[in-house]
Amino acid sequence: QVQLVESGGGWVQAGGSLRLSCTASGRTFSDYSVGWFRQAPPGKEREFVATIGRSATDTDYAYSVKDRFTISRDNGKNTVFLQMNSLKPEDTALYYCAARAGGLVITTPYDYDFWGQGTQVTVSS
């Protein structure tokens, strides 16, 4: 079992930056790949944002965030980060991190076993 807690969300003007953190407890975090997903409005299907495998060099991004967002991990701190730059109003959403056992980078939300509660990101124009 893995427990995930997201932090770092907030309000920012368009063009600004935020850094989200996903901190894990429970099992050996380095055994898990981690993804970030977002949901807006509530009830809509969660949209893939970025994912990182057990190796920090294995990453994948949604086309809409490529070159603006960067995912990274610090296994010593059991934390995965999502650095978000050049934010746009359409990035406004509830952001979730999720974990799955194994090292593959997976972009589909139903392949993830553990989820955090989410952190809200609001970008104003």
N, C-alpha and C. Protein backbone atom coordinates (compact mmCIF):
# COMPACT_ATOMS: atom_id res chain seq x y z
N GLN A 1 0.84 -1.19 0.00
CA GLN A 1 0.00 0.00 0.00
C GLN A 1 0.89 1.25 0.00
N VAL A 2 0.51 2.24 -0.79
CA VAL A 2 1.23 3.50 -0.88
C VAL A 2 0.24 4.63 -0.62
N GLN A 3 0.61 5.53 0.25
CA GLN A 3 -0.20 6.73 0.49
C GLN A 3 0.48 7.91 -0.17
N LEU A 4 -0.29 8.70 -0.91
CA LEU A 4 0.24 9.83 -1.67
C LEU A 4 -0.41 11.12 -1.19
N VAL A 5 0.41 12.16 -1.03
CA VAL A 5 -0.09 13.47 -0.65
C VAL A 5 0.48 14.51 -1.59
N GLU A 6 -0.40 15.25 -2.27
CA GLU A 6 0.03 16.31 -3.16
C GLU A 6 0.06 17.65 -2.42
N SER A 7 0.94 18.52 -2.87
CA SER A 7 1.00 19.87 -2.32
C SER A 7 1.57 20.80 -3.38
N GLY A 8 1.45 22.10 -3.13
CA GLY A 8 2.06 23.08 -4.03
C GLY A 8 1.10 23.78 -4.96
N GLY A 9 -0.16 23.37 -4.94
CA GLY A 9 -1.13 24.04 -5.79
C GLY A 9 -1.43 25.44 -5.28
N GLY A 10 -2.17 26.20 -6.08
CA GLY A 10 -2.53 27.55 -5.68
C GLY A 10 -3.02 28.35 -6.86
N TRP A 11 -3.02 29.66 -6.65
CA TRP A 11 -3.48 30.59 -7.68
C TRP A 11 -2.28 31.30 -8.28
N VAL A 12 -2.28 31.45 -9.60
CA VAL A 12 -1.17 32.13 -10.26
C VAL A 12 -1.70 32.81 -11.52
N GLN A 13 -1.07 33.89 -11.91
CA GLN A 13 -1.45 34.55 -13.16
C GLN A 13 -0.86 33.82 -14.35
N ALA A 14 -1.48 33.98 -15.50
CA ALA A 14 -0.98 33.36 -16.72
C ALA A 14 0.48 33.77 -16.95
N GLY A 15 1.28 32.80 -17.33
CA GLY A 15 2.70 33.02 -17.52
C GLY A 15 3.53 32.71 -16.30
N GLY A 16 2.88 32.50 -15.19
CA GLY A 16 3.59 32.20 -13.95
C GLY A 16 3.96 30.74 -13.82
N SER A 17 4.51 30.39 -12.66
CA SER A 17 5.00 29.04 -12.40
C SER A 17 4.50 28.52 -11.06
N LEU A 18 4.38 27.23 -10.98
CA LEU A 18 4.10 26.53 -9.73
C LEU A 18 4.89 25.23 -9.74
N ARG A 19 5.20 24.74 -8.55
CA ARG A 19 5.87 23.44 -8.41
C ARG A 19 5.02 22.57 -7.50
N LEU A 20 4.50 21.49 -8.08
CA LEU A 20 3.72 20.54 -7.31
C LEU A 20 4.63 19.45 -6.76
N SER A 21 4.29 18.95 -5.58
CA SER A 21 5.02 17.85 -4.97
C SER A 21 4.04 16.71 -4.68
N CYS A 22 4.53 15.51 -4.81
CA CYS A 22 3.77 14.31 -4.48
C CYS A 22 4.66 13.48 -3.55
N THR A 23 4.29 13.41 -2.29
CA THR A 23 5.10 12.71 -1.30
C THR A 23 4.43 11.40 -0.93
N ALA A 24 5.22 10.33 -0.93
CA ALA A 24 4.68 9.00 -0.69
C ALA A 24 5.13 8.44 0.64
N SER A 25 4.30 7.60 1.21
CA SER A 25 4.67 6.84 2.40
C SER A 25 4.14 5.42 2.21
N GLY A 26 4.74 4.51 2.95
CA GLY A 26 4.27 3.13 2.84
C GLY A 26 5.35 2.23 2.29
N ARG A 27 5.23 1.86 1.04
CA ARG A 27 6.16 0.93 0.43
C ARG A 27 7.40 1.66 -0.11
N THR A 28 8.31 0.90 -0.67
CA THR A 28 9.53 1.46 -1.24
C THR A 28 9.17 2.27 -2.47
N PHE A 29 9.27 3.55 -2.37
CA PHE A 29 8.79 4.45 -3.41
C PHE A 29 9.53 4.26 -4.72
N SER A 30 10.81 3.90 -4.64
CA SER A 30 11.60 3.76 -5.86
C SER A 30 11.14 2.61 -6.74
N ASP A 31 10.30 1.73 -6.22
CA ASP A 31 9.77 0.61 -7.01
C ASP A 31 8.58 1.01 -7.88
N TYR A 32 8.13 2.24 -7.75
CA TYR A 32 6.90 2.68 -8.40
C TYR A 32 7.17 3.72 -9.47
N SER A 33 6.41 3.63 -10.55
CA SER A 33 6.34 4.74 -11.48
C SER A 33 5.21 5.65 -11.01
N VAL A 34 5.31 6.93 -11.33
CA VAL A 34 4.37 7.93 -10.81
C VAL A 34 3.89 8.80 -11.96
N GLY A 35 2.62 9.09 -11.94
CA GLY A 35 2.05 9.96 -12.95
C GLY A 35 1.31 11.13 -12.33
N TRP A 36 1.21 12.21 -13.10
CA TRP A 36 0.37 13.35 -12.74
C TRP A 36 -0.80 13.39 -13.73
N PHE A 37 -1.98 13.59 -13.18
CA PHE A 37 -3.19 13.71 -13.98
C PHE A 37 -3.95 14.95 -13.50
N ARG A 38 -4.84 15.45 -14.32
CA ARG A 38 -5.64 16.59 -13.90
C ARG A 38 -7.09 16.40 -14.33
N GLN A 39 -7.96 17.09 -13.62
CA GLN A 39 -9.38 16.93 -13.87
C GLN A 39 -10.07 18.29 -13.79
N ALA A 40 -10.75 18.63 -14.87
CA ALA A 40 -11.53 19.87 -14.91
C ALA A 40 -12.54 19.75 -16.03
N PRO A 41 -13.82 20.06 -15.76
CA PRO A 41 -14.41 20.32 -14.45
C PRO A 41 -14.59 19.03 -13.66
N PRO A 42 -15.06 19.10 -12.43
CA PRO A 42 -15.28 17.89 -11.63
C PRO A 42 -16.20 16.92 -12.37
N GLY A 43 -15.85 15.64 -12.33
CA GLY A 43 -16.65 14.63 -13.00
C GLY A 43 -16.17 14.27 -14.39
N LYS A 44 -15.36 15.16 -14.98
CA LYS A 44 -14.79 14.85 -16.28
C LYS A 44 -13.69 13.81 -16.09
N GLU A 45 -13.39 13.03 -17.13
CA GLU A 45 -12.34 12.02 -17.03
C GLU A 45 -11.00 12.70 -16.75
N ARG A 46 -10.20 12.05 -15.94
CA ARG A 46 -8.89 12.59 -15.61
C ARG A 46 -7.99 12.54 -16.83
N GLU A 47 -7.27 13.63 -17.05
CA GLU A 47 -6.42 13.80 -18.22
C GLU A 47 -4.96 13.58 -17.83
N PHE A 48 -4.26 12.80 -18.63
CA PHE A 48 -2.84 12.57 -18.40
C PHE A 48 -2.05 13.86 -18.58
N VAL A 49 -1.08 14.09 -17.67
CA VAL A 49 -0.21 15.26 -17.76
C VAL A 49 1.24 14.83 -17.97
N ALA A 50 1.77 14.01 -17.06
CA ALA A 50 3.17 13.59 -17.14
C ALA A 50 3.36 12.34 -16.32
N THR A 51 4.41 11.59 -16.65
CA THR A 51 4.71 10.40 -15.88
C THR A 51 6.21 10.17 -15.85
N ILE A 52 6.68 9.50 -14.81
CA ILE A 52 8.09 9.19 -14.67
C ILE A 52 8.22 7.76 -14.19
N GLY A 53 9.15 7.02 -14.79
CA GLY A 53 9.37 5.64 -14.40
C GLY A 53 10.29 5.54 -13.20
N ARG A 54 10.69 4.31 -12.89
CA ARG A 54 11.61 4.12 -11.77
C ARG A 54 12.93 4.83 -12.06
N SER A 55 13.32 4.81 -13.31
CA SER A 55 14.48 5.58 -13.71
C SER A 55 14.04 7.00 -13.99
N ALA A 56 14.73 7.94 -13.44
CA ALA A 56 14.35 9.34 -13.60
C ALA A 56 14.47 9.81 -15.04
N THR A 57 15.14 9.02 -15.87
CA THR A 57 15.28 9.43 -17.27
C THR A 57 14.11 8.97 -18.13
N ASP A 58 13.27 8.11 -17.61
CA ASP A 58 12.09 7.64 -18.35
C ASP A 58 10.91 8.53 -18.02
N THR A 59 10.57 9.40 -18.94
CA THR A 59 9.47 10.33 -18.72
C THR A 59 8.61 10.43 -19.98
N ASP A 60 7.39 10.90 -19.80
CA ASP A 60 6.50 11.14 -20.92
C ASP A 60 5.57 12.28 -20.53
N TYR A 61 5.17 13.06 -21.52
CA TYR A 61 4.34 14.24 -21.27
C TYR A 61 3.18 14.30 -22.25
N ALA A 62 2.10 14.88 -21.80
CA ALA A 62 1.03 15.21 -22.73
C ALA A 62 1.51 16.31 -23.67
N TYR A 63 1.01 16.28 -24.88
CA TYR A 63 1.46 17.27 -25.86
C TYR A 63 1.18 18.69 -25.39
N SER A 64 0.07 18.87 -24.67
CA SER A 64 -0.33 20.22 -24.26
C SER A 64 0.60 20.84 -23.23
N VAL A 65 1.42 20.02 -22.56
CA VAL A 65 2.30 20.56 -21.51
C VAL A 65 3.77 20.39 -21.84
N LYS A 66 4.06 19.71 -22.93
CA LYS A 66 5.45 19.47 -23.28
C LYS A 66 6.19 20.79 -23.45
N ASP A 67 7.40 20.85 -22.98
CA ASP A 67 8.27 22.03 -23.02
C ASP A 67 7.86 23.10 -22.02
N ARG A 68 6.77 22.88 -21.28
CA ARG A 68 6.39 23.82 -20.22
C ARG A 68 6.48 23.17 -18.85
N PHE A 69 6.16 21.89 -18.77
CA PHE A 69 6.17 21.16 -17.50
C PHE A 69 7.35 20.19 -17.47
N THR A 70 7.89 19.97 -16.28
CA THR A 70 8.97 19.00 -16.10
C THR A 70 8.68 18.15 -14.88
N ILE A 71 8.71 16.83 -15.07
CA ILE A 71 8.52 15.90 -13.96
C ILE A 71 9.88 15.37 -13.52
N SER A 72 10.05 15.21 -12.22
CA SER A 72 11.30 14.70 -11.68
C SER A 72 10.99 13.96 -10.38
N ARG A 73 11.98 13.22 -9.90
CA ARG A 73 11.76 12.50 -8.64
C ARG A 73 13.01 12.52 -7.80
N ASP A 74 12.79 12.47 -6.49
CA ASP A 74 13.86 12.36 -5.50
C ASP A 74 13.47 11.18 -4.61
N ASN A 75 14.02 10.00 -4.93
CA ASN A 75 13.64 8.80 -4.18
C ASN A 75 14.08 8.88 -2.72
N GLY A 76 15.13 9.60 -2.44
CA GLY A 76 15.59 9.75 -1.06
C GLY A 76 14.58 10.48 -0.20
N LYS A 77 13.78 11.33 -0.86
CA LYS A 77 12.73 12.07 -0.15
C LYS A 77 11.35 11.51 -0.43
N ASN A 78 11.29 10.39 -1.16
CA ASN A 78 9.99 9.79 -1.52
C ASN A 78 9.05 10.80 -2.18
N THR A 79 9.60 11.61 -3.06
CA THR A 79 8.81 12.71 -3.62
C THR A 79 9.01 12.79 -5.13
N VAL A 80 7.92 13.06 -5.82
CA VAL A 80 7.94 13.38 -7.25
C VAL A 80 7.46 14.81 -7.40
N PHE A 81 8.12 15.55 -8.28
CA PHE A 81 7.80 16.95 -8.49
C PHE A 81 7.24 17.17 -9.90
N LEU A 82 6.41 18.19 -10.01
CA LEU A 82 5.97 18.64 -11.32
C LEU A 82 6.18 20.15 -11.37
N GLN A 83 7.22 20.55 -12.08
CA GLN A 83 7.51 21.97 -12.27
C GLN A 83 6.69 22.46 -13.44
N MET A 84 5.86 23.45 -13.20
CA MET A 84 4.96 23.96 -14.23
C MET A 84 5.30 25.41 -14.52
N ASN A 85 5.75 25.67 -15.73
CA ASN A 85 6.12 27.02 -16.16
C ASN A 85 5.18 27.49 -17.27
N SER A 86 5.19 28.79 -17.52
CA SER A 86 4.37 29.38 -18.59
C SER A 86 2.93 28.90 -18.50
N LEU A 87 2.38 28.97 -17.31
CA LEU A 87 1.03 28.44 -17.09
C LEU A 87 -0.01 29.23 -17.87
N LYS A 88 -1.04 28.52 -18.31
CA LYS A 88 -2.13 29.09 -19.09
C LYS A 88 -3.44 28.86 -18.35
N PRO A 89 -4.45 29.68 -18.62
CA PRO A 89 -5.75 29.46 -17.96
C PRO A 89 -6.30 28.05 -18.18
N GLU A 90 -6.01 27.46 -19.32
CA GLU A 90 -6.51 26.11 -19.59
C GLU A 90 -5.79 25.04 -18.77
N ASP A 91 -4.75 25.41 -18.03
CA ASP A 91 -4.11 24.47 -17.10
C ASP A 91 -4.85 24.39 -15.77
N THR A 92 -5.84 25.26 -15.59
CA THR A 92 -6.62 25.24 -14.35
C THR A 92 -7.31 23.89 -14.18
N ALA A 93 -7.07 23.24 -13.05
CA ALA A 93 -7.63 21.91 -12.80
C ALA A 93 -7.26 21.45 -11.40
N LEU A 94 -7.85 20.35 -11.00
CA LEU A 94 -7.42 19.64 -9.81
C LEU A 94 -6.37 18.62 -10.25
N TYR A 95 -5.19 18.73 -9.71
CA TYR A 95 -4.06 17.89 -10.12
C TYR A 95 -3.87 16.75 -9.12
N TYR A 96 -3.79 15.54 -9.66
CA TYR A 96 -3.60 14.33 -8.86
C TYR A 96 -2.27 13.68 -9.21
N CYS A 97 -1.63 13.09 -8.21
CA CYS A 97 -0.55 12.17 -8.53
C CYS A 97 -1.03 10.75 -8.26
N ALA A 98 -0.43 9.82 -8.97
CA ALA A 98 -0.82 8.42 -8.87
C ALA A 98 0.42 7.56 -9.01
N ALA A 99 0.39 6.37 -8.42
CA ALA A 99 1.54 5.47 -8.45
C ALA A 99 1.11 4.07 -8.87
N ARG A 100 2.03 3.39 -9.54
CA ARG A 100 1.80 2.01 -9.92
C ARG A 100 3.11 1.26 -9.75
N ALA A 101 3.03 0.00 -9.36
CA ALA A 101 4.23 -0.81 -9.20
C ALA A 101 4.83 -1.09 -10.57
N GLY A 102 6.16 -1.07 -10.62
CA GLY A 102 6.83 -1.32 -11.89
C GLY A 102 7.41 -0.06 -12.47
N GLY A 103 8.24 -0.22 -13.49
CA GLY A 103 8.97 0.92 -13.99
C GLY A 103 8.47 1.54 -15.27
N LEU A 104 7.43 0.97 -15.87
CA LEU A 104 6.99 1.48 -17.16
C LEU A 104 6.31 2.84 -17.02
N VAL A 105 6.49 3.69 -18.01
CA VAL A 105 5.78 4.96 -18.04
C VAL A 105 4.45 4.73 -18.75
N ILE A 106 3.38 4.94 -18.01
CA ILE A 106 2.03 4.63 -18.47
C ILE A 106 1.21 5.92 -18.44
N THR A 107 0.40 6.14 -19.48
CA THR A 107 -0.35 7.39 -19.57
C THR A 107 -1.84 7.25 -19.27
N THR A 108 -2.31 6.02 -19.04
CA THR A 108 -3.74 5.81 -18.81
C THR A 108 -4.03 5.73 -17.32
N PRO A 109 -5.00 6.51 -16.84
CA PRO A 109 -5.24 6.57 -15.39
C PRO A 109 -5.68 5.23 -14.78
N TYR A 110 -6.38 4.39 -15.53
CA TYR A 110 -6.89 3.16 -14.90
C TYR A 110 -5.79 2.13 -14.66
N ASP A 111 -4.57 2.39 -15.14
CA ASP A 111 -3.45 1.50 -14.87
C ASP A 111 -2.71 1.85 -13.59
N TYR A 112 -3.16 2.88 -12.90
CA TYR A 112 -2.53 3.29 -11.65
C TYR A 112 -3.33 2.78 -10.47
N ASP A 113 -2.61 2.34 -9.45
CA ASP A 113 -3.25 1.66 -8.32
C ASP A 113 -3.53 2.57 -7.14
N PHE A 114 -2.72 3.60 -6.96
CA PHE A 114 -2.82 4.45 -5.78
C PHE A 114 -2.91 5.90 -6.21
N TRP A 115 -3.76 6.64 -5.53
CA TRP A 115 -4.03 8.03 -5.87
C TRP A 115 -4.01 8.92 -4.65
N GLY A 116 -3.55 10.16 -4.84
CA GLY A 116 -3.66 11.16 -3.80
C GLY A 116 -5.02 11.84 -3.86
N GLN A 117 -5.20 12.84 -3.00
CA GLN A 117 -6.48 13.55 -2.90
C GLN A 117 -6.56 14.73 -3.87
N GLY A 118 -5.44 15.14 -4.41
CA GLY A 118 -5.44 16.23 -5.39
C GLY A 118 -5.07 17.57 -4.78
N THR A 119 -4.55 18.46 -5.62
CA THR A 119 -4.24 19.82 -5.24
C THR A 119 -4.72 20.74 -6.37
N GLN A 120 -5.40 21.82 -5.99
CA GLN A 120 -6.03 22.69 -6.99
C GLN A 120 -5.03 23.69 -7.55
N VAL A 121 -5.03 23.82 -8.86
CA VAL A 121 -4.24 24.82 -9.57
C VAL A 121 -5.20 25.72 -10.32
N THR A 122 -5.10 27.02 -10.08
CA THR A 122 -5.96 27.99 -10.75
C THR A 122 -5.09 29.04 -11.43
N VAL A 123 -5.25 29.19 -12.74
CA VAL A 123 -4.47 30.15 -13.51
C VAL A 123 -5.42 31.19 -14.06
N SER A 124 -5.18 32.45 -13.70
CA SER A 124 -6.05 33.52 -14.17
C SER A 124 -5.42 34.22 -15.37
N SER A 125 -6.28 34.73 -16.23
CA SER A 125 -5.80 35.41 -17.45
C SER A 125 -5.53 36.88 -17.19
